[in-house]
Amino acid sequence: PCSTKVKRVFITGGTHGNEACGVVLAKHFIKTPQLFAGFSFEVSVLLTNVASIASNSRYVDEDMNRCFLQKDLSDPTRTSTLEARRAKELNDVLGPKGSADAADLIIDLHNTTADTGVALMMPPGDELSHAIASHLISLDPSVRVCNWNANQNDWPMLPSVGKHGMTFEVGAVPWGVMDGAVYQKTRRLVVASLQYVEAHNAALARQPPGPWLPTSVQVHAFVRAVDYPRDADGEIAGMIHPDFQGKDFEPLQRGDAAFLSVDGQTAIPFTPKPPPEEEAEAEQLYPFFINEAAYVEKKTAFMLARRFDRPVQAAQL
């Protein structure tokens, strides 16, 4: 189990300013600090990309959720964009990244236009975040866990500034829209996350520490991003096929119709990369972030993951 006694938790909203449910929930939490009274740890709530919140846009100059690599945060010349400068300010508050003073846990609130439901994005080795996820899944079996790319030793996402952290991705919600059902579910699960942290601290305080419940969580581990079909000029030549739309986390088979040509008639099948070029694709793959509007600029139509069960030692509530 995670041996970190949690002392400081940050809940952040507005890393993408047009993801309205997360922004409004963070504002609600800021105005109702009594919700966090009685915990054995401090809870702070921050609005992150305040300029993009004001303009109801994803970002002003660049995606701020790609500005938190250690090398960028420590580079004094990396200040040309509003988001790069704001990331450094946030690192001073939430971190510094990689230091003993960094927040024990960061929960970053997001929405996605893809039909992911509640998808918790986290580092592969984060024991506390996976334990929190196991508790949330026990309350709501539709919750999914996605691991950031295991081939990296650092990640550019805001929650990576903390010792532990996760992105709460909840969809499908259009940009700038407050969806009541999504808002209710997010609020309930964030509060439940904090209740788990309290149980975690209580378990660590016992002599001997525990009890810990051996369990597992189903994890979706990132494999690669898949671009849209493109013509000789590099223009998008196909869109997500109607039969594929909304099928996040459902098995994707070789030959399944993934795209529809711009002629409106021709289905373009999914073709995995063959081994040994991409050995992971010899396994069953699961798509997610299908047709995420913000990822068109990143040349991503959807992402692929492999699925496995990860052991977890969880505190008992």
Protein backbone atom coordinates (compact mmCIF):
# COMPACT_ATOMS: atom_id res chain seq x y z
CA PRO A 1 0.00 0.00 0.00
CA CYS A 2 0.94 3.64 -0.31
CA SER A 3 2.88 4.70 2.79
CA THR A 4 2.36 8.45 2.31
CA LYS A 5 0.35 10.17 5.01
CA VAL A 6 -1.68 12.71 3.07
CA LYS A 7 -1.38 16.22 4.48
CA ARG A 8 -2.18 18.48 1.50
CA VAL A 9 -4.74 17.87 -1.25
CA PHE A 10 -5.41 20.24 -4.13
CA ILE A 11 -8.54 20.16 -6.28
CA THR A 12 -8.03 22.11 -9.49
CA GLY A 13 -10.42 23.23 -12.19
CA GLY A 14 -10.11 25.16 -15.43
CA THR A 15 -6.87 23.69 -16.73
CA HIS A 16 -8.91 23.80 -19.93
CA GLY A 17 -11.10 26.87 -19.55
CA ASN A 18 -14.02 25.63 -21.64
CA GLU A 19 -14.57 22.42 -19.66
CA ALA A 20 -17.38 24.01 -17.72
CA CYS A 21 -18.46 21.30 -15.27
CA GLY A 22 -15.00 21.19 -13.73
CA VAL A 23 -14.76 24.97 -13.61
CA VAL A 24 -18.15 25.38 -11.93
CA LEU A 25 -17.48 22.56 -9.47
CA ALA A 26 -14.15 24.10 -8.46
CA LYS A 27 -15.87 27.46 -7.93
CA HIS A 28 -18.52 25.71 -5.81
CA PHE A 29 -15.86 24.04 -3.69
CA ILE A 30 -14.04 27.37 -3.21
CA LYS A 31 -17.25 28.92 -1.85
CA THR A 32 -18.12 25.97 0.42
CA PRO A 33 -14.97 25.15 2.42
CA GLN A 34 -17.18 23.61 5.13
CA LEU A 35 -17.48 20.56 2.86
CA PHE A 36 -13.88 19.73 3.78
CA ALA A 37 -14.08 20.37 7.52
CA GLY A 38 -13.08 17.49 9.76
CA PHE A 39 -10.59 15.83 7.45
CA SER A 40 -7.12 15.05 8.79
CA PHE A 41 -5.60 16.85 5.80
CA GLU A 42 -5.83 20.29 4.23
CA VAL A 43 -7.93 20.70 1.07
CA SER A 44 -7.24 23.65 -1.20
CA VAL A 45 -9.14 24.45 -4.39
CA LEU A 46 -7.66 26.43 -7.28
CA LEU A 47 -8.74 27.74 -10.65
CA THR A 48 -5.77 27.11 -12.91
CA ASN A 49 -5.97 28.66 -16.39
CA VAL A 50 -7.95 31.71 -15.33
CA ALA A 51 -7.43 33.51 -18.64
CA SER A 52 -8.94 30.67 -20.66
CA ILE A 53 -11.81 30.39 -18.17
CA ALA A 54 -12.56 34.08 -18.79
CA SER A 55 -12.59 33.56 -22.56
CA ASN A 56 -14.40 30.16 -22.38
CA SER A 57 -11.62 28.64 -24.46
CA ARG A 58 -9.46 25.54 -24.02
CA TYR A 59 -6.34 27.69 -23.83
CA VAL A 60 -4.99 31.08 -24.85
CA ASP A 61 -1.60 30.24 -26.44
CA GLU A 62 -1.04 26.52 -25.88
CA ASP A 63 -2.47 23.52 -24.06
CA MET A 64 -1.54 24.11 -20.41
CA ASN A 65 -1.97 20.43 -19.62
CA ARG A 66 1.18 19.83 -21.67
CA CYS A 67 3.30 22.43 -19.81
CA PHE A 68 4.29 20.51 -16.67
CA LEU A 69 7.32 18.49 -17.73
CA GLN A 70 10.10 18.95 -15.19
CA LYS A 71 12.49 20.20 -17.87
CA ASP A 72 10.02 22.90 -18.96
CA LEU A 73 9.19 24.00 -15.44
CA SER A 74 12.90 24.36 -14.61
CA ASP A 75 13.77 26.14 -17.88
CA PRO A 76 13.86 29.91 -17.19
CA THR A 77 13.59 30.67 -20.92
CA ARG A 78 10.32 28.72 -21.31
CA THR A 79 8.08 31.76 -20.82
CA SER A 80 6.86 32.67 -24.31
CA THR A 81 3.23 31.62 -23.77
CA LEU A 82 0.67 32.56 -21.15
CA GLU A 83 0.24 28.89 -20.23
CA ALA A 84 3.97 28.28 -19.81
CA ARG A 85 4.18 31.22 -17.42
CA ARG A 86 1.07 30.14 -15.53
CA ALA A 87 2.42 26.57 -15.24
CA LYS A 88 5.48 27.92 -13.45
CA GLU A 89 3.25 29.89 -11.08
CA LEU A 90 1.18 26.80 -10.36
CA ASN A 91 4.32 24.72 -9.83
CA ASP A 92 5.33 27.13 -7.08
CA VAL A 93 1.97 26.56 -5.37
CA LEU A 94 1.37 22.86 -6.03
CA GLY A 95 4.99 21.72 -6.05
CA PRO A 96 7.73 22.26 -6.72
CA LYS A 97 7.46 19.14 -8.84
CA GLY A 98 9.63 16.30 -7.56
CA SER A 99 10.26 17.96 -4.20
CA ALA A 100 9.34 16.95 -0.67
CA ASP A 101 7.14 20.04 -0.50
CA ALA A 102 4.93 19.00 -3.44
CA ALA A 103 1.23 18.42 -2.77
CA ASP A 104 0.46 14.89 -1.60
CA LEU A 105 -2.49 14.58 -4.00
CA ILE A 106 -3.82 16.64 -6.91
CA ILE A 107 -7.26 16.01 -8.41
CA ASP A 108 -7.64 17.93 -11.68
CA LEU A 109 -11.22 18.29 -12.95
CA HIS A 110 -11.83 17.95 -16.70
CA ASN A 111 -14.56 17.25 -19.24
CA THR A 112 -14.24 15.55 -22.59
CA THR A 113 -16.44 15.56 -25.68
CA ALA A 114 -15.78 11.80 -25.99
CA ASP A 115 -18.16 9.33 -24.40
CA THR A 116 -15.73 8.11 -21.76
CA GLY A 117 -17.99 8.34 -18.73
CA VAL A 118 -15.76 8.86 -15.70
CA ALA A 119 -12.18 8.08 -16.73
CA LEU A 120 -9.43 8.58 -14.17
CA MET A 121 -6.03 9.30 -15.77
CA MET A 122 -2.98 8.62 -13.60
CA PRO A 123 0.68 7.50 -13.57
CA PRO A 124 1.19 3.73 -13.80
CA GLY A 125 3.06 3.52 -10.49
CA ASP A 126 0.80 5.74 -8.37
CA GLU A 127 -0.37 3.42 -5.58
CA LEU A 128 -2.57 5.99 -3.83
CA SER A 129 -4.44 7.05 -6.97
CA HIS A 130 -5.11 3.43 -7.95
CA ALA A 131 -6.38 2.71 -4.43
CA ILE A 132 -8.71 5.72 -4.63
CA ALA A 133 -9.89 4.44 -8.00
CA SER A 134 -10.66 1.01 -6.53
CA HIS A 135 -12.92 2.69 -3.96
CA LEU A 136 -14.69 4.78 -6.59
CA ILE A 137 -15.25 1.70 -8.76
CA SER A 138 -16.85 -0.02 -5.76
CA LEU A 139 -19.32 2.88 -5.62
CA ASP A 140 -19.78 3.23 -9.39
CA PRO A 141 -18.65 0.28 -11.55
CA SER A 142 -18.74 2.48 -14.67
CA VAL A 143 -15.59 4.34 -13.51
CA ARG A 144 -12.56 3.56 -15.71
CA VAL A 145 -8.85 3.81 -14.96
CA CYS A 146 -6.37 4.89 -17.64
CA ASN A 147 -2.61 4.93 -17.16
CA TRP A 148 -0.41 7.56 -18.72
CA ASN A 149 2.27 6.29 -21.08
CA ALA A 150 4.40 3.80 -19.13
CA ASN A 151 7.35 4.36 -21.49
CA GLN A 152 7.89 7.85 -20.06
CA ASN A 153 9.50 8.76 -16.75
CA ASP A 154 7.83 12.18 -16.64
CA TRP A 155 4.50 13.52 -17.85
CA PRO A 156 3.39 17.02 -18.87
CA MET A 157 0.00 16.93 -17.14
CA LEU A 158 -0.81 19.16 -14.18
CA PRO A 159 -1.48 16.35 -11.64
CA SER A 160 2.08 15.07 -12.18
CA VAL A 161 3.31 18.03 -10.10
CA GLY A 162 2.06 16.31 -6.94
CA LYS A 163 3.45 13.22 -5.24
CA HIS A 164 0.21 11.57 -6.35
CA GLY A 165 -2.41 12.82 -8.76
CA MET A 166 -5.12 12.09 -11.26
CA THR A 167 -7.16 13.74 -13.95
CA PHE A 168 -10.92 13.37 -13.56
CA GLU A 169 -12.07 13.13 -17.20
CA VAL A 170 -15.86 13.03 -17.47
CA GLY A 171 -17.89 12.95 -20.69
CA ALA A 172 -19.45 13.25 -23.07
CA VAL A 173 -19.92 16.99 -22.58
CA PRO A 174 -19.64 19.68 -25.29
CA TRP A 175 -17.29 22.62 -24.76
CA GLY A 176 -18.70 25.29 -22.48
CA VAL A 177 -21.73 23.21 -21.43
CA MET A 178 -22.71 22.41 -17.84
CA ASP A 179 -24.32 18.96 -17.83
CA GLY A 180 -26.24 18.40 -14.61
CA ALA A 181 -25.87 14.62 -14.48
CA VAL A 182 -22.14 14.81 -15.19
CA TYR A 183 -21.76 17.53 -12.56
CA GLN A 184 -23.60 15.48 -9.92
CA LYS A 185 -21.52 12.37 -10.60
CA THR A 186 -18.23 14.29 -10.57
CA ARG A 187 -19.06 16.03 -7.31
CA ARG A 188 -20.10 12.79 -5.63
CA LEU A 189 -16.96 10.95 -6.70
CA VAL A 190 -14.58 13.76 -5.76
CA VAL A 191 -16.05 13.85 -2.25
CA ALA A 192 -15.79 10.04 -2.10
CA SER A 193 -12.12 10.35 -3.10
CA LEU A 194 -11.49 12.58 -0.11
CA GLN A 195 -13.34 10.15 2.16
CA TYR A 196 -11.03 7.39 0.94
CA VAL A 197 -7.98 9.55 1.69
CA GLU A 198 -9.28 9.98 5.24
CA ALA A 199 -9.58 6.19 5.58
CA HIS A 200 -6.06 5.84 4.15
CA ASN A 201 -4.65 8.21 6.77
CA ALA A 202 -6.54 6.38 9.53
CA ALA A 203 -5.13 3.05 8.37
CA LEU A 204 -1.57 4.43 8.43
CA ALA A 205 -2.09 5.80 11.96
CA ARG A 206 -2.92 2.38 13.40
CA GLN A 207 -0.31 0.13 15.01
CA PRO A 208 0.33 -1.92 13.01
CA PRO A 209 -0.91 0.04 9.98
CA GLY A 210 -3.97 -1.33 8.21
CA PRO A 211 -6.02 -3.28 7.62
CA TRP A 212 -5.39 -3.26 3.88
CA LEU A 213 -7.74 -5.03 1.50
CA PRO A 214 -6.03 -6.91 -1.35
CA THR A 215 -8.02 -6.12 -4.49
CA SER A 216 -7.46 -5.12 -8.10
CA VAL A 217 -8.51 -2.46 -10.57
CA GLN A 218 -9.01 -2.87 -14.29
CA VAL A 219 -6.50 -0.60 -16.00
CA HIS A 220 -6.36 0.72 -19.55
CA ALA A 221 -2.70 1.26 -20.41
CA PHE A 222 -1.95 3.71 -23.22
CA VAL A 223 -0.57 2.12 -26.41
CA ARG A 224 -0.74 4.84 -29.06
CA ALA A 225 -2.84 7.54 -30.68
CA VAL A 226 -4.53 6.96 -34.05
CA ASP A 227 -4.77 9.80 -36.57
CA TYR A 228 -7.61 10.47 -38.98
CA PRO A 229 -7.23 9.22 -42.55
CA ARG A 230 -5.54 11.88 -44.65
CA ASP A 231 -5.25 12.62 -48.37
CA ALA A 232 -2.12 13.46 -50.34
CA ASP A 233 -2.36 17.09 -49.19
CA GLY A 234 -2.49 16.10 -45.53
CA GLU A 235 -6.16 17.05 -45.22
CA ILE A 236 -8.52 14.90 -43.14
CA ALA A 237 -10.11 12.39 -45.52
CA GLY A 238 -12.40 10.59 -43.09
CA MET A 239 -14.36 10.98 -39.88
CA ILE A 240 -15.29 8.63 -37.03
CA HIS A 241 -17.70 6.02 -38.40
CA PRO A 242 -21.26 6.22 -36.99
CA ASP A 243 -21.00 2.62 -35.76
CA PHE A 244 -17.80 3.48 -33.87
CA GLN A 245 -18.95 6.76 -32.32
CA GLY A 246 -19.49 6.46 -28.55
CA LYS A 247 -17.81 3.04 -28.29
CA ASP A 248 -15.11 4.16 -25.85
CA PHE A 249 -13.58 1.24 -23.92
CA GLU A 250 -15.33 -1.38 -26.08
CA PRO A 251 -13.14 -3.97 -27.85
CA LEU A 252 -11.88 -2.87 -31.27
CA GLN A 253 -11.25 -5.66 -33.76
CA ARG A 254 -9.20 -5.75 -36.93
CA GLY A 255 -11.49 -4.78 -39.82
CA ASP A 256 -14.06 -2.94 -37.69
CA ALA A 257 -15.32 0.22 -39.39
CA ALA A 258 -13.39 2.98 -37.59
CA PHE A 259 -13.77 5.80 -40.11
CA LEU A 260 -16.19 7.00 -42.77
CA SER A 261 -14.65 8.52 -45.88
CA VAL A 262 -15.58 12.11 -46.74
CA ASP A 263 -17.54 10.66 -49.66
CA GLY A 264 -20.06 9.70 -46.98
CA GLN A 265 -20.23 6.10 -48.19
CA THR A 266 -16.93 4.26 -47.84
CA ALA A 267 -16.11 2.62 -44.49
CA ILE A 268 -12.41 2.62 -43.58
CA PRO A 269 -11.48 -0.34 -41.36
CA PHE A 270 -9.20 -0.35 -38.36
CA THR A 271 -5.90 -2.05 -39.11
CA PRO A 272 -3.57 -2.65 -36.16
CA LYS A 273 0.17 -2.47 -36.56
CA PRO A 274 1.64 -5.97 -36.94
CA PRO A 275 4.27 -7.40 -34.60
CA PRO A 276 7.12 -6.91 -34.05
CA GLU A 277 6.71 -3.23 -34.99
CA GLU A 278 4.10 -2.81 -32.25
CA GLU A 279 3.88 -6.01 -30.26
CA ALA A 280 1.21 -4.61 -27.94
CA GLU A 281 -1.15 -4.55 -30.89
CA ALA A 282 -1.11 -8.33 -31.08
CA GLU A 283 -3.34 -8.10 -28.00
CA GLN A 284 -6.96 -7.05 -27.75
CA LEU A 285 -7.13 -3.24 -27.90
CA TYR A 286 -9.65 -0.82 -26.45
CA PRO A 287 -10.24 2.67 -27.90
CA PHE A 288 -10.92 5.76 -25.81
CA PHE A 289 -11.19 9.51 -26.38
CA ILE A 290 -13.03 8.67 -29.61
CA ASN A 291 -13.70 11.89 -31.54
CA GLU A 292 -12.43 14.16 -28.76
CA ALA A 293 -12.85 17.58 -30.36
CA ALA A 294 -9.71 19.05 -28.78
CA TYR A 295 -7.50 16.31 -30.21
CA VAL A 296 -8.07 17.12 -33.89
CA GLU A 297 -5.19 19.60 -33.65
CA LYS A 298 -3.06 16.85 -32.10
CA LYS A 299 -3.83 14.59 -35.10
CA THR A 300 -5.63 12.14 -32.85
CA ALA A 301 -8.97 10.57 -33.78
CA PHE A 302 -8.83 8.18 -30.83
CA MET A 303 -6.38 6.49 -28.49
CA LEU A 304 -5.73 2.81 -27.99
CA ALA A 305 -5.14 0.95 -24.76
CA ARG A 306 -4.55 -2.59 -23.62
CA ARG A 307 -6.48 -3.79 -20.58
CA PHE A 308 -5.22 -5.67 -17.53
CA ASP A 309 -5.99 -6.11 -13.85
CA ARG A 310 -3.61 -4.30 -11.51
CA PRO A 311 -3.26 -5.43 -7.87
CA VAL A 312 -4.06 -2.80 -5.24
CA GLN A 313 -3.81 -2.70 -1.46
CA ALA A 314 -6.74 -0.49 -0.36
CA ALA A 315 -7.74 0.93 2.98
CA GLN A 316 -11.11 -0.27 4.27
CA LEU A 317 -13.88 2.25 4.79
